[in-house]
Amino acid sequence: MLEAASLSGEFDFVSRFFAPAAGVNEDPVTGSSHCCLEPFWQARLRKDNFTAFQASRRGGVLKVRVRGDRVLISGKAITVFAGNLFA
């Protein structure tokens, strides 16, 4: 995962996610990584609401809010897999 403060006023920070050992050459937009990035940026930027951009070929914008020990993420998404778990 690579991340940096944004030089643009449009985004608070920009990130990219790579995991080639796990078969992910580059993920277009990774919600799970932003659950870790938001508290990191919250401490540095002293704010709770962020607009983040994950820079990849498809790319994506995430709206993220830190609320206590939770990170709330919103943005445009598509379903790529659905399933049911049975006990």
N, C-alpha and C. Protein backbone atom coordinates (compact mmCIF):
# COMPACT_ATOMS: atom_id res chain seq x y z
N MET A 1 0.85 -1.16 0.00
CA MET A 1 0.00 0.00 0.00
C MET A 1 0.90 1.23 0.00
N LEU A 2 0.61 2.14 -0.88
CA LEU A 2 1.31 3.42 -0.93
C LEU A 2 0.30 4.51 -0.68
N GLU A 3 0.68 5.51 0.08
CA GLU A 3 -0.23 6.62 0.31
C GLU A 3 0.57 7.90 0.48
N ALA A 4 -0.09 9.02 0.21
CA ALA A 4 0.56 10.32 0.35
C ALA A 4 -0.50 11.39 0.49
N ALA A 5 -0.15 12.46 1.14
CA ALA A 5 -1.05 13.61 1.21
C ALA A 5 -1.28 14.11 -0.21
N SER A 6 -2.48 14.55 -0.48
CA SER A 6 -2.80 15.04 -1.82
C SER A 6 -2.27 16.45 -2.02
N LEU A 7 -1.79 16.72 -3.20
CA LEU A 7 -1.35 18.07 -3.55
C LEU A 7 -2.52 18.89 -4.07
N SER A 8 -3.65 18.22 -4.31
CA SER A 8 -4.84 18.89 -4.83
C SER A 8 -5.76 19.22 -3.66
N GLY A 9 -6.53 20.26 -3.77
CA GLY A 9 -7.51 20.59 -2.75
C GLY A 9 -8.73 19.70 -2.82
N GLU A 10 -8.83 18.88 -3.87
CA GLU A 10 -9.99 18.03 -4.07
C GLU A 10 -9.98 16.81 -3.14
N PHE A 11 -8.79 16.30 -2.81
CA PHE A 11 -8.67 15.10 -1.99
C PHE A 11 -7.77 15.37 -0.78
N ASP A 12 -8.05 14.64 0.31
CA ASP A 12 -7.20 14.76 1.49
C ASP A 12 -5.93 13.92 1.35
N PHE A 13 -6.06 12.75 0.73
CA PHE A 13 -4.89 11.93 0.45
C PHE A 13 -5.18 11.00 -0.72
N VAL A 14 -4.10 10.46 -1.27
CA VAL A 14 -4.16 9.56 -2.42
C VAL A 14 -3.46 8.26 -2.04
N SER A 15 -3.98 7.13 -2.50
CA SER A 15 -3.36 5.84 -2.18
C SER A 15 -3.35 4.91 -3.39
N ARG A 16 -2.55 3.86 -3.28
CA ARG A 16 -2.54 2.75 -4.24
C ARG A 16 -2.35 1.48 -3.42
N PHE A 17 -2.85 0.35 -3.93
CA PHE A 17 -2.75 -0.91 -3.19
C PHE A 17 -2.23 -2.01 -4.10
N PHE A 18 -1.13 -2.64 -3.68
CA PHE A 18 -0.52 -3.76 -4.40
C PHE A 18 -0.37 -4.93 -3.45
N ALA A 19 -0.65 -6.15 -3.91
CA ALA A 19 -0.41 -7.37 -3.13
C ALA A 19 -0.09 -8.52 -4.09
N PRO A 20 1.02 -8.41 -4.84
CA PRO A 20 1.32 -9.43 -5.85
C PRO A 20 1.49 -10.83 -5.27
N ALA A 21 1.98 -10.95 -4.04
CA ALA A 21 2.14 -12.28 -3.44
C ALA A 21 0.79 -12.95 -3.20
N ALA A 22 -0.26 -12.14 -3.07
CA ALA A 22 -1.62 -12.66 -2.87
C ALA A 22 -2.40 -12.71 -4.19
N GLY A 23 -1.72 -12.43 -5.31
CA GLY A 23 -2.37 -12.48 -6.61
C GLY A 23 -3.08 -11.20 -7.00
N VAL A 24 -2.83 -10.11 -6.26
CA VAL A 24 -3.45 -8.81 -6.58
C VAL A 24 -2.35 -7.89 -7.08
N ASN A 25 -2.26 -7.76 -8.41
CA ASN A 25 -1.23 -6.87 -8.95
C ASN A 25 -1.49 -5.42 -8.56
N GLU A 26 -2.73 -4.98 -8.70
CA GLU A 26 -3.13 -3.66 -8.20
C GLU A 26 -4.64 -3.67 -8.06
N ASP A 27 -5.11 -3.31 -6.88
CA ASP A 27 -6.55 -3.28 -6.63
C ASP A 27 -7.07 -1.90 -7.02
N PRO A 28 -8.20 -1.83 -7.76
CA PRO A 28 -8.70 -0.53 -8.20
C PRO A 28 -9.11 0.37 -7.04
N VAL A 29 -9.86 -0.13 -6.08
CA VAL A 29 -10.24 0.65 -4.90
C VAL A 29 -10.42 -0.33 -3.75
N THR A 30 -9.69 -0.11 -2.67
CA THR A 30 -9.65 -1.05 -1.56
C THR A 30 -10.23 -0.43 -0.30
N GLY A 31 -11.45 -0.81 0.03
CA GLY A 31 -12.09 -0.30 1.24
C GLY A 31 -11.36 -0.71 2.50
N SER A 32 -10.89 -1.97 2.53
CA SER A 32 -10.24 -2.47 3.74
C SER A 32 -8.96 -1.69 4.07
N SER A 33 -8.21 -1.29 3.06
CA SER A 33 -6.99 -0.54 3.35
C SER A 33 -7.32 0.85 3.90
N HIS A 34 -8.44 1.41 3.48
CA HIS A 34 -8.82 2.73 3.98
C HIS A 34 -9.27 2.68 5.43
N CYS A 35 -9.67 1.51 5.91
CA CYS A 35 -9.98 1.38 7.34
C CYS A 35 -8.73 1.59 8.18
N CYS A 36 -7.58 1.32 7.63
CA CYS A 36 -6.30 1.57 8.32
C CYS A 36 -5.77 2.96 8.04
N LEU A 37 -5.99 3.45 6.82
CA LEU A 37 -5.45 4.75 6.43
C LEU A 37 -6.17 5.91 7.12
N GLU A 38 -7.45 5.79 7.36
CA GLU A 38 -8.20 6.92 7.94
C GLU A 38 -7.71 7.30 9.33
N PRO A 39 -7.54 6.35 10.26
CA PRO A 39 -6.99 6.75 11.57
C PRO A 39 -5.59 7.36 11.46
N PHE A 40 -4.79 6.83 10.52
CA PHE A 40 -3.46 7.40 10.28
C PHE A 40 -3.57 8.87 9.89
N TRP A 41 -4.43 9.17 8.91
CA TRP A 41 -4.58 10.55 8.44
C TRP A 41 -5.35 11.41 9.43
N GLN A 42 -6.24 10.80 10.20
CA GLN A 42 -6.97 11.55 11.22
C GLN A 42 -5.99 12.17 12.22
N ALA A 43 -5.00 11.39 12.63
CA ALA A 43 -4.02 11.88 13.59
C ALA A 43 -3.15 12.99 13.00
N ARG A 44 -2.86 12.92 11.71
CA ARG A 44 -1.98 13.91 11.10
C ARG A 44 -2.70 15.17 10.64
N LEU A 45 -3.92 15.00 10.12
CA LEU A 45 -4.65 16.15 9.59
C LEU A 45 -5.65 16.74 10.59
N ARG A 46 -5.83 16.04 11.72
CA ARG A 46 -6.72 16.49 12.79
C ARG A 46 -8.13 16.79 12.27
N LYS A 47 -8.68 15.82 11.54
CA LYS A 47 -10.05 15.93 11.06
C LYS A 47 -10.66 14.54 11.03
N ASP A 48 -11.98 14.46 10.91
CA ASP A 48 -12.70 13.18 10.96
C ASP A 48 -13.33 12.78 9.64
N ASN A 49 -13.48 13.70 8.71
CA ASN A 49 -14.10 13.43 7.41
C ASN A 49 -13.07 13.64 6.31
N PHE A 50 -13.00 12.67 5.39
CA PHE A 50 -11.99 12.71 4.34
C PHE A 50 -12.60 12.41 2.98
N THR A 51 -11.97 12.95 1.96
CA THR A 51 -12.22 12.54 0.59
C THR A 51 -10.89 11.97 0.10
N ALA A 52 -10.92 10.68 -0.22
CA ALA A 52 -9.69 9.99 -0.62
C ALA A 52 -9.81 9.54 -2.07
N PHE A 53 -8.68 9.44 -2.74
CA PHE A 53 -8.65 8.93 -4.10
C PHE A 53 -7.67 7.78 -4.15
N GLN A 54 -8.13 6.62 -4.64
CA GLN A 54 -7.21 5.50 -4.88
C GLN A 54 -6.84 5.55 -6.35
N ALA A 55 -5.58 5.83 -6.61
CA ALA A 55 -5.09 6.01 -7.98
C ALA A 55 -4.72 4.66 -8.57
N SER A 56 -5.54 4.18 -9.46
CA SER A 56 -5.27 2.95 -10.20
C SER A 56 -5.82 3.15 -11.60
N ARG A 57 -5.74 2.14 -12.44
CA ARG A 57 -6.25 2.30 -13.80
C ARG A 57 -7.72 2.69 -13.79
N ARG A 58 -8.54 2.01 -12.98
CA ARG A 58 -9.96 2.39 -12.87
C ARG A 58 -10.15 3.51 -11.87
N GLY A 59 -9.39 3.52 -10.81
CA GLY A 59 -9.44 4.57 -9.80
C GLY A 59 -10.77 4.69 -9.11
N GLY A 60 -10.80 5.42 -8.01
CA GLY A 60 -12.04 5.62 -7.32
C GLY A 60 -11.91 6.62 -6.19
N VAL A 61 -13.03 7.28 -5.92
CA VAL A 61 -13.12 8.27 -4.86
C VAL A 61 -13.89 7.66 -3.71
N LEU A 62 -13.37 7.83 -2.50
CA LEU A 62 -14.04 7.34 -1.30
C LEU A 62 -14.31 8.50 -0.37
N LYS A 63 -15.49 8.54 0.19
CA LYS A 63 -15.81 9.46 1.28
C LYS A 63 -15.69 8.64 2.55
N VAL A 64 -14.90 9.11 3.48
CA VAL A 64 -14.61 8.32 4.67
C VAL A 64 -14.78 9.17 5.92
N ARG A 65 -15.42 8.57 6.93
CA ARG A 65 -15.60 9.25 8.22
C ARG A 65 -15.09 8.34 9.33
N VAL A 66 -14.36 8.92 10.27
CA VAL A 66 -13.93 8.19 11.44
C VAL A 66 -14.90 8.52 12.56
N ARG A 67 -15.50 7.49 13.14
CA ARG A 67 -16.46 7.65 14.23
C ARG A 67 -16.06 6.70 15.36
N GLY A 68 -15.31 7.21 16.33
CA GLY A 68 -14.84 6.36 17.43
C GLY A 68 -13.92 5.29 16.91
N ASP A 69 -14.28 4.02 17.16
CA ASP A 69 -13.44 2.92 16.68
C ASP A 69 -13.95 2.36 15.36
N ARG A 70 -14.80 3.10 14.66
CA ARG A 70 -15.36 2.68 13.37
C ARG A 70 -14.90 3.61 12.26
N VAL A 71 -14.77 3.04 11.07
CA VAL A 71 -14.49 3.82 9.88
C VAL A 71 -15.64 3.57 8.92
N LEU A 72 -16.34 4.63 8.53
CA LEU A 72 -17.48 4.54 7.62
C LEU A 72 -17.04 4.97 6.24
N ILE A 73 -17.27 4.12 5.24
CA ILE A 73 -16.82 4.37 3.88
C ILE A 73 -18.01 4.42 2.94
N SER A 74 -18.03 5.40 2.04
CA SER A 74 -19.06 5.44 1.00
C SER A 74 -18.41 5.82 -0.32
N GLY A 75 -19.12 5.52 -1.38
CA GLY A 75 -18.64 5.82 -2.72
C GLY A 75 -19.38 4.95 -3.72
N LYS A 76 -19.06 5.08 -4.97
CA LYS A 76 -19.67 4.23 -6.00
C LYS A 76 -19.02 2.85 -5.96
N ALA A 77 -19.84 1.82 -6.14
CA ALA A 77 -19.32 0.45 -6.08
C ALA A 77 -20.11 -0.46 -7.00
N ILE A 78 -19.49 -1.58 -7.34
CA ILE A 78 -20.18 -2.64 -8.07
C ILE A 78 -20.02 -3.93 -7.29
N THR A 79 -21.00 -4.81 -7.36
CA THR A 79 -20.90 -6.11 -6.71
C THR A 79 -20.16 -7.05 -7.64
N VAL A 80 -19.08 -7.64 -7.12
CA VAL A 80 -18.31 -8.58 -7.93
C VAL A 80 -18.48 -10.02 -7.42
N PHE A 81 -19.02 -10.16 -6.20
CA PHE A 81 -19.22 -11.47 -5.62
C PHE A 81 -20.30 -11.38 -4.56
N ALA A 82 -21.19 -12.33 -4.54
CA ALA A 82 -22.23 -12.39 -3.50
C ALA A 82 -22.37 -13.83 -3.05
N GLY A 83 -22.69 -14.03 -1.79
CA GLY A 83 -22.83 -15.39 -1.27
C GLY A 83 -23.60 -15.39 0.03
N ASN A 84 -23.91 -16.56 0.50
CA ASN A 84 -24.62 -16.74 1.77
C ASN A 84 -23.84 -17.71 2.63
N LEU A 85 -23.80 -17.43 3.93
CA LEU A 85 -23.18 -18.35 4.89
C LEU A 85 -24.28 -19.02 5.67
N PHE A 86 -24.16 -20.30 5.83
CA PHE A 86 -25.16 -21.07 6.58
C PHE A 86 -24.49 -21.68 7.81
N ALA A 87 -25.17 -21.61 8.93
CA ALA A 87 -24.61 -22.18 10.17
C ALA A 87 -24.97 -23.64 10.29
